């Protein structure tokens, strides 16, 4: 876009959104038709000349936050209060909680490692576009080729780096190799080694937590695992995944071949990162979140009150 057209888009957006003129009034002032003004406003949004951010009222459940912190030795816990689990905005609100915390702790020169997923996407979406913390972003897990493009770890890394004004270390690899042998070969490639090292040396990591329900599991949706395989893993004690790693209720990596085929940071890598932030919601994920908390890799949890209550009950054996 040339600077003259960019200026026109900015001028039209200013008159409409800040000066609150109608499209007809802007058209008369600039000698353009109302239809042309409409198209310019649409173009301004599409090209991010104007960006609209809606801030929803968010209430936190401080008692559940304290219980989670005390029970799992967390540095911070953020629990969204009284939100219906079928609310389509639930993850968006949780993303805002996670984003506010990330904006508070980031400093110039840090490295932030990120994994793929809907919760990661919502958190990154909520981070301010003008933060410009000059933070390096490291892709911590490989890509899933058939996932929704905007949710893929490479796309998320690029978007976050744009917001933070930093560079990106891409992980040029699929999330899961075809075999254990293929995974070993991929990990030996210099560019993959470099990014994995950058991710494991990160100051902060942002992860999601998945369960193994074939209806919602990204493994099933992308064809990495069949519903039968997921059911078999569940029968063998698996409860979910974090950073692509299948985990047990005790917080250990499940001894499945699939974990050996993952290209990304390990649970041991995550445990060495000073600040690991997990964002996950819904009581149906409570068992998965509990397993993730028991890995002792998570320092900060963002969840909702229904999930938090269920997590605490499960941990007490209720």
Protein backbone atom coordinates (compact mmCIF):
# COMPACT_ATOMS: atom_id res chain seq x y z
CA UNK A 1 0.00 0.00 0.00
CA UNK A 2 1.43 3.40 -0.95
CA UNK A 3 1.59 6.10 1.70
CA UNK A 4 -0.99 8.34 -0.01
CA UNK A 5 -3.67 5.62 0.03
CA UNK A 6 -2.69 4.61 3.57
CA UNK A 7 -3.20 8.24 4.64
CA UNK A 8 -6.65 8.30 3.02
CA UNK A 9 -7.70 5.13 4.84
CA UNK A 10 -6.45 6.54 8.15
CA UNK A 11 -8.22 9.86 7.55
CA UNK A 12 -11.54 8.19 6.75
CA UNK A 13 -11.23 5.91 9.79
CA UNK A 14 -10.42 8.87 12.05
CA UNK A 15 -13.45 10.83 10.85
CA UNK A 16 -15.77 7.84 11.24
CA UNK A 17 -14.58 6.19 14.46
CA UNK A 18 -13.18 9.12 16.46
CA UNK A 19 -14.96 12.20 15.10
CA UNK A 20 -18.18 10.15 14.74
CA UNK A 21 -19.16 11.61 11.38
CA UNK A 22 -21.57 9.63 9.20
CA UNK A 23 -20.39 8.05 5.98
CA UNK A 24 -22.39 10.62 4.01
CA UNK A 25 -20.78 13.50 5.95
CA UNK A 26 -17.30 12.09 5.31
CA UNK A 27 -18.12 11.67 1.63
CA UNK A 28 -19.22 15.30 1.30
CA UNK A 29 -16.10 16.53 3.13
CA UNK A 30 -13.75 14.50 0.92
CA UNK A 31 -15.68 14.74 -2.32
CA UNK A 32 -16.37 10.98 -2.41
CA UNK A 33 -19.53 8.90 -2.59
CA UNK A 34 -20.98 7.21 0.50
CA UNK A 35 -20.41 3.82 -1.17
CA UNK A 36 -16.73 4.71 -1.65
CA UNK A 37 -16.43 5.69 2.02
CA UNK A 38 -18.01 2.36 3.04
CA UNK A 39 -15.46 0.48 0.93
CA UNK A 40 -12.57 2.51 2.34
CA UNK A 41 -13.69 1.78 5.91
CA UNK A 42 -13.91 -1.93 5.12
CA UNK A 43 -10.44 -1.82 3.54
CA UNK A 44 -9.06 0.03 6.57
CA UNK A 45 -10.19 -2.80 8.86
CA UNK A 46 -8.98 -5.53 6.52
CA UNK A 47 -5.52 -3.94 6.34
CA UNK A 48 -5.43 -3.22 10.09
CA UNK A 49 -5.23 0.54 9.52
CA UNK A 50 -8.00 0.66 12.09
CA UNK A 51 -8.27 -2.03 14.76
CA UNK A 52 -11.30 -2.51 16.97
CA UNK A 53 -10.87 -4.15 20.36
CA UNK A 54 -13.88 -5.03 22.48
CA UNK A 55 -13.23 -5.27 26.20
CA UNK A 56 -15.69 -7.51 28.00
CA UNK A 57 -16.41 -7.27 31.73
CA UNK A 58 -14.43 -10.05 33.37
CA UNK A 59 -15.00 -11.21 36.93
CA UNK A 60 -12.52 -13.47 38.72
CA UNK A 61 -13.16 -16.09 41.40
CA UNK A 62 -10.47 -15.18 43.93
CA UNK A 63 -11.20 -18.03 46.35
CA UNK A 64 -10.75 -20.66 43.65
CA UNK A 65 -7.61 -18.86 42.48
CA UNK A 66 -6.12 -19.13 45.96
CA UNK A 67 -7.11 -22.80 46.24
CA UNK A 68 -5.42 -23.63 42.93
CA UNK A 69 -2.29 -21.69 43.85
CA UNK A 70 -2.01 -23.38 47.24
CA UNK A 71 -2.80 -26.86 45.96
CA UNK A 72 -0.45 -26.87 42.97
CA UNK A 73 2.19 -24.36 44.09
CA UNK A 74 1.37 -22.00 41.23
CA UNK A 75 2.82 -18.52 40.95
CA UNK A 76 -0.52 -17.25 39.67
CA UNK A 77 -4.00 -18.58 38.92
CA UNK A 78 -6.70 -16.72 37.04
CA UNK A 79 -10.22 -18.13 37.30
CA UNK A 80 -13.06 -16.67 35.27
CA UNK A 81 -16.16 -16.35 37.45
CA UNK A 82 -19.59 -17.82 36.70
CA UNK A 83 -19.17 -18.21 32.96
CA UNK A 84 -21.44 -20.75 31.18
CA UNK A 85 -19.20 -23.42 29.68
CA UNK A 86 -21.17 -23.29 26.43
CA UNK A 87 -20.54 -19.55 26.12
CA UNK A 88 -18.73 -19.03 22.79
CA UNK A 89 -16.84 -16.12 24.37
CA UNK A 90 -15.42 -18.20 27.24
CA UNK A 91 -12.01 -18.82 25.64
CA UNK A 92 -11.86 -15.25 24.41
CA UNK A 93 -12.31 -13.96 27.96
CA UNK A 94 -9.73 -16.40 29.28
CA UNK A 95 -7.40 -15.24 26.52
CA UNK A 96 -7.78 -11.70 27.83
CA UNK A 97 -6.77 -12.83 31.32
CA UNK A 98 -3.72 -14.60 29.95
CA UNK A 99 -2.83 -11.71 27.67
CA UNK A 100 -2.99 -9.13 30.47
CA UNK A 101 -0.59 -11.22 32.53
CA UNK A 102 1.80 -11.74 29.62
CA UNK A 103 1.81 -8.02 28.83
CA UNK A 104 2.69 -7.33 32.46
CA UNK A 105 5.68 -9.69 32.67
CA UNK A 106 7.31 -9.34 29.24
CA UNK A 107 10.51 -7.34 29.01
CA UNK A 108 12.75 -6.40 26.09
CA UNK A 109 15.09 -9.18 25.05
CA UNK A 110 13.00 -12.06 26.42
CA UNK A 111 12.11 -15.20 24.47
CA UNK A 112 8.51 -16.41 24.47
CA UNK A 113 7.84 -20.00 23.33
CA UNK A 114 4.37 -20.84 22.04
CA UNK A 115 2.44 -23.98 21.16
CA UNK A 116 -0.54 -24.32 18.84
CA UNK A 117 -4.22 -24.36 19.78
CA UNK A 118 -7.40 -22.36 20.18
CA UNK A 119 -6.54 -21.06 23.66
CA UNK A 120 -3.13 -19.88 22.45
CA UNK A 121 -4.82 -18.16 19.52
CA UNK A 122 -7.29 -16.33 21.77
CA UNK A 123 -4.51 -15.21 24.12
CA UNK A 124 -2.40 -13.87 21.27
CA UNK A 125 -5.44 -12.12 19.79
CA UNK A 126 -5.96 -10.30 23.09
CA UNK A 127 -2.38 -9.01 23.36
CA UNK A 128 -2.21 -5.33 22.44
CA UNK A 129 -0.94 -4.49 18.96
CA UNK A 130 1.07 -1.59 20.32
CA UNK A 131 2.97 -3.54 22.99
CA UNK A 132 6.22 -3.75 20.98
CA UNK A 133 8.21 -5.41 23.74
CA UNK A 134 10.95 -6.56 21.31
CA UNK A 135 10.54 -10.17 22.40
CA UNK A 136 11.77 -13.13 20.37
CA UNK A 137 9.07 -15.70 19.62
CA UNK A 138 10.06 -19.36 19.35
CA UNK A 139 7.72 -21.94 17.85
CA UNK A 140 7.74 -24.71 20.47
CA UNK A 141 5.85 -27.39 18.54
CA UNK A 142 5.77 -28.43 14.91
CA UNK A 143 2.88 -27.63 12.61
CA UNK A 144 -0.25 -29.62 11.88
CA UNK A 145 -0.67 -29.32 8.12
CA UNK A 146 -4.44 -29.82 8.04
CA UNK A 147 -5.45 -27.64 10.96
CA UNK A 148 -7.16 -24.28 10.65
CA UNK A 149 -4.40 -22.02 9.39
CA UNK A 150 -4.86 -19.33 12.03
CA UNK A 151 -4.48 -21.91 14.84
CA UNK A 152 -1.24 -23.43 13.57
CA UNK A 153 1.84 -22.76 15.66
CA UNK A 154 3.76 -21.14 12.79
CA UNK A 155 0.93 -18.69 12.05
CA UNK A 156 0.55 -17.93 15.75
CA UNK A 157 4.29 -17.31 16.12
CA UNK A 158 4.26 -14.90 13.18
CA UNK A 159 1.23 -13.00 14.49
CA UNK A 160 2.67 -12.70 17.99
CA UNK A 161 6.04 -11.49 16.71
CA UNK A 162 4.26 -8.75 14.75
CA UNK A 163 2.61 -7.57 17.95
CA UNK A 164 5.75 -7.77 20.05
CA UNK A 165 8.12 -6.26 17.50
CA UNK A 166 10.51 -9.20 17.69
CA UNK A 167 11.93 -11.92 15.47
CA UNK A 168 10.52 -15.41 14.97
CA UNK A 169 12.26 -18.76 15.21
CA UNK A 170 10.16 -21.13 13.11
CA UNK A 171 10.09 -24.89 13.63
CA UNK A 172 10.14 -26.21 10.06
CA UNK A 173 8.60 -29.55 10.88
CA UNK A 174 5.28 -31.33 11.31
CA UNK A 175 4.07 -31.78 14.86
CA UNK A 176 4.27 -35.55 14.51
CA UNK A 177 6.70 -37.46 12.30
CA UNK A 178 5.63 -40.60 10.44
CA UNK A 179 7.81 -42.81 12.62
CA UNK A 180 10.18 -42.70 15.57
CA UNK A 181 13.10 -43.02 13.15
CA UNK A 182 11.84 -40.11 11.04
CA UNK A 183 11.46 -37.98 14.18
CA UNK A 184 15.08 -38.65 15.15
CA UNK A 185 16.25 -37.56 11.71
CA UNK A 186 14.18 -34.37 11.85
CA UNK A 187 15.50 -33.44 15.28
CA UNK A 188 19.07 -33.65 13.96
CA UNK A 189 18.46 -30.97 11.33
CA UNK A 190 20.29 -27.78 12.28
CA UNK A 191 17.39 -25.36 11.86
CA UNK A 192 15.08 -27.59 13.89
CA UNK A 193 17.73 -28.06 16.59
CA UNK A 194 18.22 -24.30 16.74
CA UNK A 195 14.53 -23.51 17.24
CA UNK A 196 13.97 -26.32 19.75
CA UNK A 197 16.93 -25.01 21.74
CA UNK A 198 15.56 -21.45 21.59
CA UNK A 199 12.16 -22.70 22.81
CA UNK A 200 13.61 -24.76 25.65
CA UNK A 201 15.75 -21.76 26.72
CA UNK A 202 12.75 -19.41 26.69
CA UNK A 203 11.90 -17.09 29.56
CA UNK A 204 8.15 -17.63 29.12
CA UNK A 205 6.05 -20.33 27.44
CA UNK A 206 2.39 -20.27 26.46
CA UNK A 207 0.71 -23.67 26.17
CA UNK A 208 -2.74 -25.13 25.75
CA UNK A 209 -4.10 -28.34 27.23
CA UNK A 210 -6.14 -30.83 25.22
CA UNK A 211 -8.20 -33.84 26.14
CA UNK A 212 -8.51 -37.05 24.15
CA UNK A 213 -12.19 -36.85 23.27
CA UNK A 214 -12.32 -37.81 19.55
CA UNK A 215 -14.99 -35.14 19.01
CA UNK A 216 -12.68 -32.27 19.93
CA UNK A 217 -9.12 -33.63 19.99
CA UNK A 218 -6.85 -31.98 17.43
CA UNK A 219 -5.13 -35.34 16.97
CA UNK A 220 -8.39 -36.87 15.74
CA UNK A 221 -9.47 -33.84 13.69
CA UNK A 222 -6.21 -33.79 11.78
CA UNK A 223 -5.97 -37.55 11.28
CA UNK A 224 -2.87 -38.11 13.40
CA UNK A 225 -4.81 -40.57 15.56
CA UNK A 226 -8.02 -42.49 14.98
CA UNK A 227 -10.84 -42.50 17.56
CA UNK A 228 -9.88 -46.10 18.30
CA UNK A 229 -6.30 -45.14 19.09
CA UNK A 230 -7.45 -42.30 21.34
CA UNK A 231 -9.81 -44.67 23.16
CA UNK A 232 -6.95 -47.14 23.61
CA UNK A 233 -4.67 -44.45 25.06
CA UNK A 234 -7.42 -43.40 27.46
CA UNK A 235 -7.88 -47.01 28.57
CA UNK A 236 -4.12 -47.14 29.23
CA UNK A 237 -4.23 -44.14 31.57
CA UNK A 238 -3.76 -41.17 29.24
CA UNK A 239 -5.84 -38.11 30.16
CA UNK A 240 -4.84 -35.43 27.67
CA UNK A 241 -2.00 -33.62 25.97
CA UNK A 242 0.15 -30.57 26.60
CA UNK A 243 2.54 -29.20 23.97
CA UNK A 244 1.57 -32.22 21.89
CA UNK A 245 2.74 -34.67 24.57
CA UNK A 246 0.26 -37.29 25.75
CA UNK A 247 0.17 -37.20 29.56
CA UNK A 248 -1.16 -39.42 32.33
CA UNK A 249 -3.26 -38.54 35.37
CA UNK A 250 -0.07 -38.59 37.44
CA UNK A 251 1.52 -35.92 35.24
CA UNK A 252 3.97 -38.15 33.40
CA UNK A 253 4.54 -38.55 29.68
CA UNK A 254 2.55 -41.56 28.56
CA UNK A 255 4.86 -44.35 27.30
CA UNK A 256 3.33 -44.34 23.85
CA UNK A 257 5.23 -44.33 20.59
CA UNK A 258 3.30 -41.23 19.59
CA UNK A 259 5.23 -39.14 22.13
CA UNK A 260 8.49 -40.30 20.57
CA UNK A 261 7.27 -38.99 17.22
CA UNK A 262 6.44 -35.47 18.45
CA UNK A 263 8.70 -32.66 17.23
CA UNK A 264 8.62 -30.03 19.95
CA UNK A 265 9.62 -29.24 23.48
CA UNK A 266 9.37 -32.03 26.05
CA UNK A 267 7.86 -31.88 29.53
CA UNK A 268 11.40 -31.73 30.92
CA UNK A 269 12.07 -28.72 28.67
CA UNK A 270 8.93 -27.00 29.96
CA UNK A 271 9.91 -27.64 33.59
CA UNK A 272 13.13 -25.69 33.01
CA UNK A 273 11.35 -22.61 31.63
CA UNK A 274 10.89 -20.03 34.42
CA UNK A 275 7.29 -19.13 33.51
CA UNK A 276 4.89 -21.55 31.78
CA UNK A 277 1.37 -20.21 31.27
CA UNK A 278 -1.46 -22.62 30.45
CA UNK A 279 -4.89 -21.52 29.23
CA UNK A 280 -7.69 -24.12 29.18
CA UNK A 281 -11.39 -24.14 29.98
CA UNK A 282 -14.39 -26.33 30.70
CA UNK A 283 -15.14 -29.09 33.22
CA UNK A 284 -14.79 -31.65 30.43
CA UNK A 285 -11.09 -30.76 30.40
CA UNK A 286 -10.68 -30.90 34.18
CA UNK A 287 -8.98 -34.32 34.19
CA UNK A 288 -6.59 -33.20 31.43
CA UNK A 289 -5.79 -29.94 33.24
CA UNK A 290 -5.20 -31.82 36.48
CA UNK A 291 -2.74 -34.15 34.74
CA UNK A 292 -0.99 -31.11 33.24
CA UNK A 293 -0.76 -29.42 36.65
CA UNK A 294 0.74 -32.58 38.12
CA UNK A 295 3.60 -32.42 35.60
CA UNK A 296 4.92 -29.50 37.70
CA UNK A 297 5.67 -27.71 34.45
CA UNK A 298 2.93 -25.07 34.81
CA UNK A 299 3.44 -21.89 36.86
CA UNK A 300 0.35 -19.96 35.79
CA UNK A 301 -3.11 -21.34 34.98
CA UNK A 302 -6.00 -19.48 33.33
CA UNK A 303 -9.29 -21.37 33.52
CA UNK A 304 -12.96 -20.99 34.42
CA UNK A 305 -14.68 -21.62 37.74
CA UNK A 306 -16.50 -24.79 36.63
CA UNK A 307 -13.22 -26.35 35.52
CA UNK A 308 -11.38 -25.13 38.63
CA UNK A 309 -13.98 -26.62 40.95
CA UNK A 310 -13.85 -29.96 39.13
CA UNK A 311 -10.03 -29.98 39.17
CA UNK A 312 -9.95 -29.51 42.92
CA UNK A 313 -12.60 -32.21 43.45
CA UNK A 314 -10.70 -34.69 41.28
CA UNK A 315 -7.48 -33.91 43.12
CA UNK A 316 -9.19 -34.65 46.42
CA UNK A 317 -10.51 -37.91 45.00
CA UNK A 318 -14.14 -36.84 45.08
